[in-house]
Amino acid sequence: MQAFIIEAENRPGELARQTAAIAARGVNLYAYCITLGSRGASAFLAHDEAGVRSGLNDAGIAFREVPVVTAWLEDQPGTAAAATKKLADAGVNIDLFVPLDLKDGKATIAFGVDNVEAARRVLSDQLTEWMIPGQPESVRAGTSL
């Protein structure tokens, strides 16, 4: 699974422009957005990655793709710190950290990383599959890129 990350000016309508470009392809999204002063970033996960890619390209919206690994963390203090330290110690840079689900005392987290193999190795006992609602079962986070 890939995350699509867009950095843009923090202004009214920017997220609407991005999501409209993807919606034009009929793609359902999981979207996350944050602003930092005059700049902002959006991150999108979708079952139709080709649709996201073509929608953004056709609209002239610059983006970068980041591979995603999904892992579970206990829903308690310190588990995010422990997991991110494992990744840091393995030299893995984290571009995305997004909670996707919380069930039975465990949070499923999407880690967008620069080194999937190392991330899978250090989080091997916590890896989990997560499926975007409506996503074909053949394409799941944690099982394919």
Protein backbone atom coordinates (compact mmCIF):
# COMPACT_ATOMS: atom_id res chain seq x y z
CA MET A 1 0.00 0.00 0.00
CA GLN A 2 1.16 3.50 -0.80
CA ALA A 3 0.34 6.80 0.89
CA PHE A 4 0.17 9.88 -1.30
CA ILE A 5 1.58 12.95 0.44
CA ILE A 6 1.02 16.46 -0.86
CA GLU A 7 2.68 19.58 0.50
CA ALA A 8 0.96 22.83 -0.38
CA GLU A 9 0.20 26.37 0.69
CA ASN A 10 -2.18 26.59 3.66
CA ARG A 11 -5.10 28.44 2.07
CA PRO A 12 -8.87 28.07 1.76
CA GLY A 13 -9.85 25.51 -0.86
CA GLU A 14 -6.53 23.70 -1.21
CA LEU A 15 -7.73 20.44 0.33
CA ALA A 16 -10.94 20.76 -1.70
CA ARG A 17 -8.86 21.05 -4.90
CA GLN A 18 -6.87 17.94 -4.02
CA THR A 19 -9.86 15.81 -3.05
CA ALA A 20 -11.87 16.97 -6.09
CA ALA A 21 -9.06 15.81 -8.40
CA ILE A 22 -9.21 12.36 -6.82
CA ALA A 23 -13.02 12.26 -6.62
CA ALA A 24 -13.14 12.90 -10.37
CA ARG A 25 -11.70 9.39 -10.72
CA GLY A 26 -14.39 7.90 -8.46
CA VAL A 27 -11.88 7.03 -5.75
CA ASN A 28 -12.91 6.74 -2.10
CA LEU A 29 -10.26 8.10 0.27
CA TYR A 30 -8.88 7.97 3.74
CA ALA A 31 -7.47 11.50 4.06
CA TYR A 32 -5.42 13.27 6.70
CA CYS A 33 -4.38 16.90 6.74
CA ILE A 34 -2.19 19.09 8.94
CA THR A 35 -1.10 22.69 8.70
CA LEU A 36 2.09 24.29 9.94
CA GLY A 37 1.89 28.03 9.56
CA SER A 38 1.67 28.97 5.90
CA ARG A 39 2.25 25.39 4.67
CA GLY A 40 0.18 22.26 4.95
CA ALA A 41 0.37 18.59 4.13
CA SER A 42 -2.25 16.09 3.09
CA ALA A 43 -1.90 12.32 3.13
CA PHE A 44 -4.22 10.00 1.26
CA LEU A 45 -4.73 6.26 1.41
CA ALA A 46 -7.04 4.63 -1.14
CA HIS A 47 -7.84 1.25 -2.58
CA ASP A 48 -7.46 2.65 -6.11
CA GLU A 49 -3.90 3.95 -6.06
CA ALA A 50 -3.77 4.28 -9.84
CA GLY A 51 -6.87 6.48 -9.68
CA VAL A 52 -5.28 8.73 -7.05
CA ARG A 53 -2.08 8.97 -9.06
CA SER A 54 -3.82 9.82 -12.34
CA GLY A 55 -6.23 12.29 -10.71
CA LEU A 56 -3.42 14.21 -9.05
CA ASN A 57 -1.21 14.11 -12.14
CA ASP A 58 -4.01 15.33 -14.40
CA ALA A 59 -4.72 18.23 -12.02
CA GLY A 60 -1.04 19.18 -11.93
CA ILE A 61 -0.81 18.52 -8.19
CA ALA A 62 2.68 17.49 -7.06
CA PHE A 63 2.82 14.55 -4.65
CA ARG A 64 5.14 11.87 -3.42
CA GLU A 65 4.37 8.25 -2.74
CA VAL A 66 5.46 6.60 0.49
CA PRO A 67 5.20 2.86 1.14
CA VAL A 68 3.06 1.96 4.15
CA VAL A 69 3.50 -0.76 6.75
CA THR A 70 0.67 -1.39 9.20
CA ALA A 71 1.30 -2.51 12.76
CA TRP A 72 -0.68 -2.77 15.95
CA LEU A 73 0.24 -0.99 19.15
CA GLU A 74 -1.24 -1.55 22.58
CA ASP A 75 -3.53 1.33 23.51
CA GLN A 76 -1.40 2.51 26.41
CA PRO A 77 1.24 5.16 27.13
CA GLY A 78 4.68 4.55 25.65
CA THR A 79 3.84 2.11 22.86
CA ALA A 80 4.16 4.73 20.10
CA ALA A 81 7.48 5.84 21.61
CA ALA A 82 8.77 2.26 21.71
CA ALA A 83 7.73 1.48 18.12
CA THR A 84 9.14 4.71 16.69
CA LYS A 85 12.40 4.20 18.62
CA LYS A 86 12.74 0.70 17.11
CA LEU A 87 12.33 2.24 13.67
CA ALA A 88 14.78 5.06 14.42
CA ASP A 89 17.37 2.63 15.78
CA ALA A 90 17.08 0.66 12.52
CA GLY A 91 17.67 3.86 10.51
CA VAL A 92 14.09 4.00 9.23
CA ASN A 93 12.67 7.46 8.57
CA ILE A 94 8.95 7.88 9.27
CA ASP A 95 7.07 10.12 6.83
CA LEU A 96 3.60 9.20 8.05
CA PHE A 97 2.16 7.98 11.36
CA VAL A 98 -1.62 7.65 11.19
CA PRO A 99 -4.00 5.78 13.48
CA LEU A 100 -6.40 3.74 11.35
CA ASP A 101 -8.41 1.67 13.81
CA LEU A 102 -8.82 1.01 17.53
CA LYS A 103 -10.26 -2.27 18.64
CA ASP A 104 -9.86 -4.60 21.62
CA GLY A 105 -7.20 -2.39 23.24
CA LYS A 106 -5.01 -2.29 20.13
CA ALA A 107 -4.50 0.57 17.70
CA THR A 108 -3.69 -0.14 14.07
CA ILE A 109 -1.16 2.40 12.82
CA ALA A 110 -0.07 3.19 9.25
CA PHE A 111 3.65 3.87 9.17
CA GLY A 112 4.81 5.54 5.96
CA VAL A 113 8.51 4.70 5.83
CA ASP A 114 11.56 4.99 3.62
CA ASN A 115 12.74 1.40 4.22
CA VAL A 116 9.92 -1.15 4.21
CA GLU A 117 12.14 -4.19 4.73
CA ALA A 118 13.79 -2.73 7.85
CA ALA A 119 10.44 -1.55 9.21
CA ARG A 120 8.94 -5.00 8.75
CA ARG A 121 11.94 -6.59 10.42
CA VAL A 122 11.87 -4.43 13.57
CA LEU A 123 8.06 -4.45 13.86
CA SER A 124 7.71 -8.11 12.83
CA ASP A 125 5.85 -9.15 15.98
CA GLN A 126 3.38 -6.28 15.56
CA LEU A 127 2.64 -6.34 11.83
CA THR A 128 -1.02 -6.55 10.93
CA GLU A 129 -3.19 -6.33 7.88
CA TRP A 130 -5.59 -3.46 7.46
CA MET A 131 -8.03 -3.07 4.64
CA ILE A 132 -9.53 0.19 3.45
CA PRO A 133 -13.31 -0.26 3.48
CA GLY A 134 -14.46 -1.24 0.01
CA GLN A 135 -10.96 -2.38 -0.94
CA PRO A 136 -10.59 -5.69 -2.78
CA GLU A 137 -9.23 -8.34 -0.43
CA SER A 138 -6.28 -8.93 -2.77
CA VAL A 139 -4.83 -5.51 -1.90
CA ARG A 140 -4.20 -5.03 1.80
CA ALA A 141 -1.76 -2.90 3.74
CA GLY A 142 0.98 -5.04 5.18
CA THR A 143 0.74 -7.70 2.47
CA SER A 144 1.52 -5.83 -0.73
CA LEU A 145 3.13 -2.64 -1.89
